[in-house]
Amino acid sequence: MERLRLSGPVTPNYEEFLGEHRCLLEQAVEKVVRVAQRVGVTPEEIVSLLDSGISIPDLLAFLASKTSGVA
């Protein structure tokens, strides 16, 4: 699996960053959505959590906590 590697500080230019890493970012989002759906969290709920200020690490921890007992 390809990983996003930053050779220096993150560019303040959001559009440039997106252009360079769009494919990896889309793959990461798709994986998070698939995991979330498997544990009963909808994409709309993910957006709501992010809009309310949850961080990505906290979102991932939340989803992981819901995976206990899920086959």
PDB file of N, CA and C in Angstrom:
ATOM      1  N   MET A   1       0.848  -1.173   0.000  1.00  0.00           N
ATOM      2  CA  MET A   1       0.000   0.000   0.000  1.00  0.00           C
ATOM      3  C   MET A   1       0.892   1.233   0.000  1.00  0.00           C
ATOM      4  N   GLU A   2       0.543   2.168  -0.844  1.00  0.00           N
ATOM      5  CA  GLU A   2       1.303   3.417  -0.918  1.00  0.00           C
ATOM      6  C   GLU A   2       0.941   4.291   0.273  1.00  0.00           C
ATOM      7  N   ARG A   3       1.941   4.941   0.835  1.00  0.00           N
ATOM      8  CA  ARG A   3       1.714   5.831   1.975  1.00  0.00           C
ATOM      9  C   ARG A   3       2.055   7.254   1.593  1.00  0.00           C
ATOM     10  N   LEU A   4       1.340   8.163   2.196  1.00  0.00           N
ATOM     11  CA  LEU A   4       1.598   9.583   1.996  1.00  0.00           C
ATOM     12  C   LEU A   4       2.844   9.957   2.774  1.00  0.00           C
ATOM     13  N   ARG A   5       3.862  10.415   2.085  1.00  0.00           N
ATOM     14  CA  ARG A   5       5.113  10.807   2.734  1.00  0.00           C
ATOM     15  C   ARG A   5       5.366  12.278   2.445  1.00  0.00           C
ATOM     16  N   LEU A   6       5.622  13.001   3.489  1.00  0.00           N
ATOM     17  CA  LEU A   6       5.901  14.420   3.342  1.00  0.00           C
ATOM     18  C   LEU A   6       7.400  14.633   3.458  1.00  0.00           C
ATOM     19  N   SER A   7       7.975  15.260   2.460  1.00  0.00           N
ATOM     20  CA  SER A   7       9.418  15.468   2.471  1.00  0.00           C
ATOM     21  C   SER A   7       9.809  16.706   3.268  1.00  0.00           C
ATOM     22  N   GLY A   8       8.869  17.518   3.590  1.00  0.00           N
ATOM     23  CA  GLY A   8       9.139  18.738   4.340  1.00  0.00           C
ATOM     24  C   GLY A   8       7.878  19.160   5.055  1.00  0.00           C
ATOM     25  N   PRO A   9       7.835  20.399   5.468  1.00  0.00           N
ATOM     26  CA  PRO A   9       6.626  20.877   6.145  1.00  0.00           C
ATOM     27  C   PRO A   9       5.437  20.858   5.185  1.00  0.00           C
ATOM     28  N   VAL A  10       4.258  20.648   5.756  1.00  0.00           N
ATOM     29  CA  VAL A  10       3.040  20.640   4.943  1.00  0.00           C
ATOM     30  C   VAL A  10       2.867  22.003   4.305  1.00  0.00           C
ATOM     31  N   THR A  11       2.582  21.988   3.026  1.00  0.00           N
ATOM     32  CA  THR A  11       2.425  23.242   2.297  1.00  0.00           C
ATOM     33  C   THR A  11       1.192  23.993   2.779  1.00  0.00           C
ATOM     34  N   PRO A  12       1.296  25.290   2.933  1.00  0.00           N
ATOM     35  CA  PRO A  12       0.118  26.060   3.320  1.00  0.00           C
ATOM     36  C   PRO A  12      -0.877  26.181   2.162  1.00  0.00           C
ATOM     37  N   ASN A  13      -0.440  25.778   0.973  1.00  0.00           N
ATOM     38  CA  ASN A  13      -1.306  25.865  -0.193  1.00  0.00           C
ATOM     39  C   ASN A  13      -2.160  24.607  -0.286  1.00  0.00           C
ATOM     40  N   TYR A  14      -3.378  24.679   0.197  1.00  0.00           N
ATOM     41  CA  TYR A  14      -4.318  23.562   0.251  1.00  0.00           C
ATOM     42  C   TYR A  14      -4.550  22.955  -1.127  1.00  0.00           C
ATOM     43  N   GLU A  15      -4.768  23.776  -2.122  1.00  0.00           N
ATOM     44  CA  GLU A  15      -5.043  23.276  -3.473  1.00  0.00           C
ATOM     45  C   GLU A  15      -3.860  22.498  -4.033  1.00  0.00           C
ATOM     46  N   GLU A  16      -2.660  22.981  -3.784  1.00  0.00           N
ATOM     47  CA  GLU A  16      -1.458  22.288  -4.244  1.00  0.00           C
ATOM     48  C   GLU A  16      -1.337  20.922  -3.572  1.00  0.00           C
ATOM     49  N   PHE A  17      -1.574  20.899  -2.270  1.00  0.00           N
ATOM     50  CA  PHE A  17      -1.509  19.644  -1.521  1.00  0.00           C
ATOM     51  C   PHE A  17      -2.533  18.651  -2.063  1.00  0.00           C
ATOM     52  N   LEU A  18      -3.766  19.111  -2.269  1.00  0.00           N
ATOM     53  CA  LEU A  18      -4.810  18.235  -2.814  1.00  0.00           C
ATOM     54  C   LEU A  18      -4.428  17.696  -4.182  1.00  0.00           C
ATOM     55  N   GLY A  19      -3.895  18.554  -5.015  1.00  0.00           N
ATOM     56  CA  GLY A  19      -3.499  18.129  -6.350  1.00  0.00           C
ATOM     57  C   GLY A  19      -2.442  17.047  -6.324  1.00  0.00           C
ATOM     58  N   GLU A  20      -1.498  17.177  -5.424  1.00  0.00           N
ATOM     59  CA  GLU A  20      -0.402  16.218  -5.333  1.00  0.00           C
ATOM     60  C   GLU A  20      -0.819  14.894  -4.700  1.00  0.00           C
ATOM     61  N   HIS A  21      -1.804  14.915  -3.821  1.00  0.00           N
ATOM     62  CA  HIS A  21      -2.135  13.730  -3.032  1.00  0.00           C
ATOM     63  C   HIS A  21      -3.596  13.301  -3.129  1.00  0.00           C
ATOM     64  N   ARG A  22      -4.313  13.782  -4.115  1.00  0.00           N
ATOM     65  CA  ARG A  22      -5.742  13.510  -4.232  1.00  0.00           C
ATOM     66  C   ARG A  22      -6.058  12.016  -4.190  1.00  0.00           C
ATOM     67  N   CYS A  23      -5.352  11.213  -4.949  1.00  0.00           N
ATOM     68  CA  CYS A  23      -5.637   9.782  -5.026  1.00  0.00           C
ATOM     69  C   CYS A  23      -5.502   9.116  -3.659  1.00  0.00           C
ATOM     70  N   LEU A  24      -4.429   9.398  -2.950  1.00  0.00           N
ATOM     71  CA  LEU A  24      -4.231   8.805  -1.630  1.00  0.00           C
ATOM     72  C   LEU A  24      -5.288   9.284  -0.638  1.00  0.00           C
ATOM     73  N   LEU A  25      -5.634  10.552  -0.705  1.00  0.00           N
ATOM     74  CA  LEU A  25      -6.652  11.078   0.199  1.00  0.00           C
ATOM     75  C   LEU A  25      -8.014  10.442  -0.075  1.00  0.00           C
ATOM     76  N   GLU A  26      -8.362  10.269  -1.341  1.00  0.00           N
ATOM     77  CA  GLU A  26      -9.639   9.637  -1.698  1.00  0.00           C
ATOM     78  C   GLU A  26      -9.678   8.188  -1.219  1.00  0.00           C
ATOM     79  N   GLN A  27      -8.573   7.468  -1.376  1.00  0.00           N
ATOM     80  CA  GLN A  27      -8.512   6.083  -0.912  1.00  0.00           C
ATOM     81  C   GLN A  27      -8.684   6.008   0.602  1.00  0.00           C
ATOM     82  N   ALA A  28      -8.054   6.910   1.312  1.00  0.00           N
ATOM     83  CA  ALA A  28      -8.161   6.923   2.771  1.00  0.00           C
ATOM     84  C   ALA A  28      -9.600   7.196   3.210  1.00  0.00           C
ATOM     85  N   VAL A  29     -10.241   8.156   2.563  1.00  0.00           N
ATOM     86  CA  VAL A  29     -11.633   8.481   2.907  1.00  0.00           C
ATOM     87  C   VAL A  29     -12.541   7.294   2.610  1.00  0.00           C
ATOM     88  N   GLU A  30     -12.346   6.650   1.464  1.00  0.00           N
ATOM     89  CA  GLU A  30     -13.159   5.481   1.114  1.00  0.00           C
ATOM     90  C   GLU A  30     -13.018   4.376   2.153  1.00  0.00           C
ATOM     91  N   LYS A  31     -11.811   4.142   2.633  1.00  0.00           N
ATOM     92  CA  LYS A  31     -11.583   3.105   3.641  1.00  0.00           C
ATOM     93  C   LYS A  31     -12.253   3.457   4.958  1.00  0.00           C
ATOM     94  N   VAL A  32     -12.163   4.701   5.368  1.00  0.00           N
ATOM     95  CA  VAL A  32     -12.809   5.124   6.610  1.00  0.00           C
ATOM     96  C   VAL A  32     -14.320   4.951   6.494  1.00  0.00           C
ATOM     97  N   VAL A  33     -14.889   5.327   5.364  1.00  0.00           N
ATOM     98  CA  VAL A  33     -16.338   5.194   5.165  1.00  0.00           C
ATOM     99  C   VAL A  33     -16.751   3.723   5.191  1.00  0.00           C
ATOM    100  N   ARG A  34     -15.964   2.845   4.551  1.00  0.00           N
ATOM    101  CA  ARG A  34     -16.299   1.408   4.551  1.00  0.00           C
ATOM    102  C   ARG A  34     -16.275   0.836   5.966  1.00  0.00           C
ATOM    103  N   VAL A  35     -15.252   1.175   6.735  1.00  0.00           N
ATOM    104  CA  VAL A  35     -15.166   0.698   8.112  1.00  0.00           C
ATOM    105  C   VAL A  35     -16.346   1.233   8.913  1.00  0.00           C
ATOM    106  N   ALA A  36     -16.624   2.506   8.754  1.00  0.00           N
ATOM    107  CA  ALA A  36     -17.735   3.125   9.492  1.00  0.00           C
ATOM    108  C   ALA A  36     -19.055   2.435   9.179  1.00  0.00           C
ATOM    109  N   GLN A  37     -19.298   2.172   7.913  1.00  0.00           N
ATOM    110  CA  GLN A  37     -20.550   1.529   7.538  1.00  0.00           C
ATOM    111  C   GLN A  37     -20.644   0.124   8.122  1.00  0.00           C
ATOM    112  N   ARG A  38     -19.512  -0.571   8.194  1.00  0.00           N
ATOM    113  CA  ARG A  38     -19.502  -1.919   8.769  1.00  0.00           C
ATOM    114  C   ARG A  38     -19.908  -1.920  10.236  1.00  0.00           C
ATOM    115  N   VAL A  39     -19.631  -0.836  10.939  1.00  0.00           N
ATOM    116  CA  VAL A  39     -19.979  -0.762  12.362  1.00  0.00           C
ATOM    117  C   VAL A  39     -21.234   0.073  12.606  1.00  0.00           C
ATOM    118  N   GLY A  40     -21.944   0.413  11.541  1.00  0.00           N
ATOM    119  CA  GLY A  40     -23.230   1.085  11.687  1.00  0.00           C
ATOM    120  C   GLY A  40     -23.201   2.597  11.713  1.00  0.00           C
ATOM    121  N   VAL A  41     -22.123   3.194  11.238  1.00  0.00           N
ATOM    122  CA  VAL A  41     -22.035   4.659  11.185  1.00  0.00           C
ATOM    123  C   VAL A  41     -22.145   5.090   9.727  1.00  0.00           C
ATOM    124  N   THR A  42     -23.085   5.960   9.447  1.00  0.00           N
ATOM    125  CA  THR A  42     -23.319   6.395   8.061  1.00  0.00           C
ATOM    126  C   THR A  42     -22.338   7.494   7.659  1.00  0.00           C
ATOM    127  N   PRO A  43     -22.152   7.673   6.356  1.00  0.00           N
ATOM    128  CA  PRO A  43     -21.320   8.788   5.899  1.00  0.00           C
ATOM    129  C   PRO A  43     -21.819  10.138   6.418  1.00  0.00           C
ATOM    130  N   GLU A  44     -23.146  10.285   6.518  1.00  0.00           N
ATOM    131  CA  GLU A  44     -23.707  11.533   7.019  1.00  0.00           C
ATOM    132  C   GLU A  44     -23.321  11.763   8.476  1.00  0.00           C
ATOM    133  N   GLU A  45     -23.277  10.673   9.254  1.00  0.00           N
ATOM    134  CA  GLU A  45     -22.870  10.792  10.655  1.00  0.00           C
ATOM    135  C   GLU A  45     -21.382  11.166  10.759  1.00  0.00           C
ATOM    136  N   ILE A  46     -20.569  10.621   9.854  1.00  0.00           N
ATOM    137  CA  ILE A  46     -19.148  10.984   9.830  1.00  0.00           C
ATOM    138  C   ILE A  46     -19.007  12.486   9.588  1.00  0.00           C
ATOM    139  N   VAL A  47     -19.733  12.991   8.606  1.00  0.00           N
ATOM    140  CA  VAL A  47     -19.678  14.417   8.291  1.00  0.00           C
ATOM    141  C   VAL A  47     -20.132  15.246   9.490  1.00  0.00           C
ATOM    142  N   SER A  48     -21.194  14.803  10.133  1.00  0.00           N
ATOM    143  CA  SER A  48     -21.700  15.521  11.303  1.00  0.00           C
ATOM    144  C   SER A  48     -20.657  15.551  12.424  1.00  0.00           C
ATOM    145  N   LEU A  49     -19.999  14.420  12.663  1.00  0.00           N
ATOM    146  CA  LEU A  49     -18.948  14.375  13.682  1.00  0.00           C
ATOM    147  C   LEU A  49     -17.805  15.316  13.339  1.00  0.00           C
ATOM    148  N   LEU A  50     -17.378  15.292  12.081  1.00  0.00           N
ATOM    149  CA  LEU A  50     -16.290  16.176  11.657  1.00  0.00           C
ATOM    150  C   LEU A  50     -16.695  17.642  11.751  1.00  0.00           C
ATOM    151  N   ASP A  51     -17.929  17.941  11.348  1.00  0.00           N
ATOM    152  CA  ASP A  51     -18.427  19.318  11.446  1.00  0.00           C
ATOM    153  C   ASP A  51     -18.488  19.792  12.892  1.00  0.00           C
ATOM    154  N   SER A  52     -18.730  18.859  13.813  1.00  0.00           N
ATOM    155  CA  SER A  52     -18.828  19.249  15.222  1.00  0.00           C
ATOM    156  C   SER A  52     -17.453  19.410  15.872  1.00  0.00           C
ATOM    157  N   GLY A  53     -16.395  19.084  15.114  1.00  0.00           N
ATOM    158  CA  GLY A  53     -15.054  19.352  15.617  1.00  0.00           C
ATOM    159  C   GLY A  53     -14.229  18.149  16.010  1.00  0.00           C
ATOM    160  N   ILE A  54     -14.747  16.919  15.806  1.00  0.00           N
ATOM    161  CA  ILE A  54     -13.953  15.742  16.155  1.00  0.00           C
ATOM    162  C   ILE A  54     -12.720  15.676  15.249  1.00  0.00           C
ATOM    163  N   SER A  55     -11.602  15.300  15.828  1.00  0.00           N
ATOM    164  CA  SER A  55     -10.371  15.182  15.038  1.00  0.00           C
ATOM    165  C   SER A  55     -10.368  13.833  14.312  1.00  0.00           C
ATOM    166  N   ILE A  56      -9.539  13.711  13.303  1.00  0.00           N
ATOM    167  CA  ILE A  56      -9.427  12.452  12.573  1.00  0.00           C
ATOM    168  C   ILE A  56      -8.972  11.329  13.509  1.00  0.00           C
ATOM    169  N   PRO A  57      -7.928  11.543  14.329  1.00  0.00           N
ATOM    170  CA  PRO A  57      -7.551  10.468  15.261  1.00  0.00           C
ATOM    171  C   PRO A  57      -8.686  10.068  16.203  1.00  0.00           C
ATOM    172  N   ASP A  58      -9.458  11.041  16.685  1.00  0.00           N
ATOM    173  CA  ASP A  58     -10.581  10.730  17.562  1.00  0.00           C
ATOM    174  C   ASP A  58     -11.697  10.009  16.807  1.00  0.00           C
ATOM    175  N   LEU A  59     -11.924  10.367  15.553  1.00  0.00           N
ATOM    176  CA  LEU A  59     -12.916   9.670  14.729  1.00  0.00           C
ATOM    177  C   LEU A  59     -12.506   8.207  14.559  1.00  0.00           C
ATOM    178  N   LEU A  60     -11.230   7.981  14.252  1.00  0.00           N
ATOM    179  CA  LEU A  60     -10.747   6.610  14.074  1.00  0.00           C
ATOM    180  C   LEU A  60     -10.860   5.815  15.374  1.00  0.00           C
ATOM    181  N   ALA A  61     -10.553   6.451  16.506  1.00  0.00           N
ATOM    182  CA  ALA A  61     -10.684   5.778  17.800  1.00  0.00           C
ATOM    183  C   ALA A  61     -12.151   5.449  18.085  1.00  0.00           C
ATOM    184  N   PHE A  62     -13.033   6.356  17.747  1.00  0.00           N
ATOM    185  CA  PHE A  62     -14.469   6.129  17.926  1.00  0.00           C
ATOM    186  C   PHE A  62     -14.923   4.932  17.104  1.00  0.00           C
ATOM    187  N   LEU A  63     -14.501   4.876  15.845  1.00  0.00           N
ATOM    188  CA  LEU A  63     -14.884   3.749  14.987  1.00  0.00           C
ATOM    189  C   LEU A  63     -14.288   2.448  15.497  1.00  0.00           C
ATOM    190  N   ALA A  64     -13.048   2.502  15.965  1.00  0.00           N
ATOM    191  CA  ALA A  64     -12.407   1.298  16.501  1.00  0.00           C
ATOM    192  C   ALA A  64     -13.139   0.788  17.738  1.00  0.00           C
ATOM    193  N   SER A  65     -13.634   1.708  18.554  1.00  0.00           N
ATOM    194  CA  SER A  65     -14.340   1.305  19.759  1.00  0.00           C
ATOM    195  C   SER A  65     -15.649   0.600  19.429  1.00  0.00           C
ATOM    196  N   LYS A  66     -16.208   0.921  18.268  1.00  0.00           N
ATOM    197  CA  LYS A  66     -17.468   0.299  17.853  1.00  0.00           C
ATOM    198  C   LYS A  66     -17.250  -1.057  17.176  1.00  0.00           C
ATOM    199  N   THR A  67     -15.999  -1.403  16.867  1.00  0.00           N
ATOM    200  CA  THR A  67     -15.725  -2.648  16.161  1.00  0.00           C
ATOM    201  C   THR A  67     -15.697  -3.863  17.075  1.00  0.00           C
ATOM    202  N   SER A  68     -15.625  -3.659  18.387  1.00  0.00           N
ATOM    203  CA  SER A  68     -15.591  -4.814  19.282  1.00  0.00           C
ATOM    204  C   SER A  68     -16.888  -5.608  19.120  1.00  0.00           C
ATOM    205  N   GLY A  69     -16.711  -6.880  18.817  1.00  0.00           N
ATOM    206  CA  GLY A  69     -17.872  -7.746  18.633  1.00  0.00           C
ATOM    207  C   GLY A  69     -18.382  -7.782  17.207  1.00  0.00           C
ATOM    208  N   VAL A  70     -17.806  -6.998  16.302  1.00  0.00           N
ATOM    209  CA  VAL A  70     -18.228  -7.004  14.900  1.00  0.00           C
ATOM    210  C   VAL A  70     -17.342  -7.979  14.144  1.00  0.00           C
ATOM    211  N   ALA A  71     -17.939  -8.922  13.446  1.00  0.00           N
ATOM    212  CA  ALA A  71     -17.151  -9.909  12.682  1.00  0.00           C
ATOM    213  C   ALA A  71     -16.821  -9.422  11.304  1.00  0.00           C
TER     214      ALA A  71
END
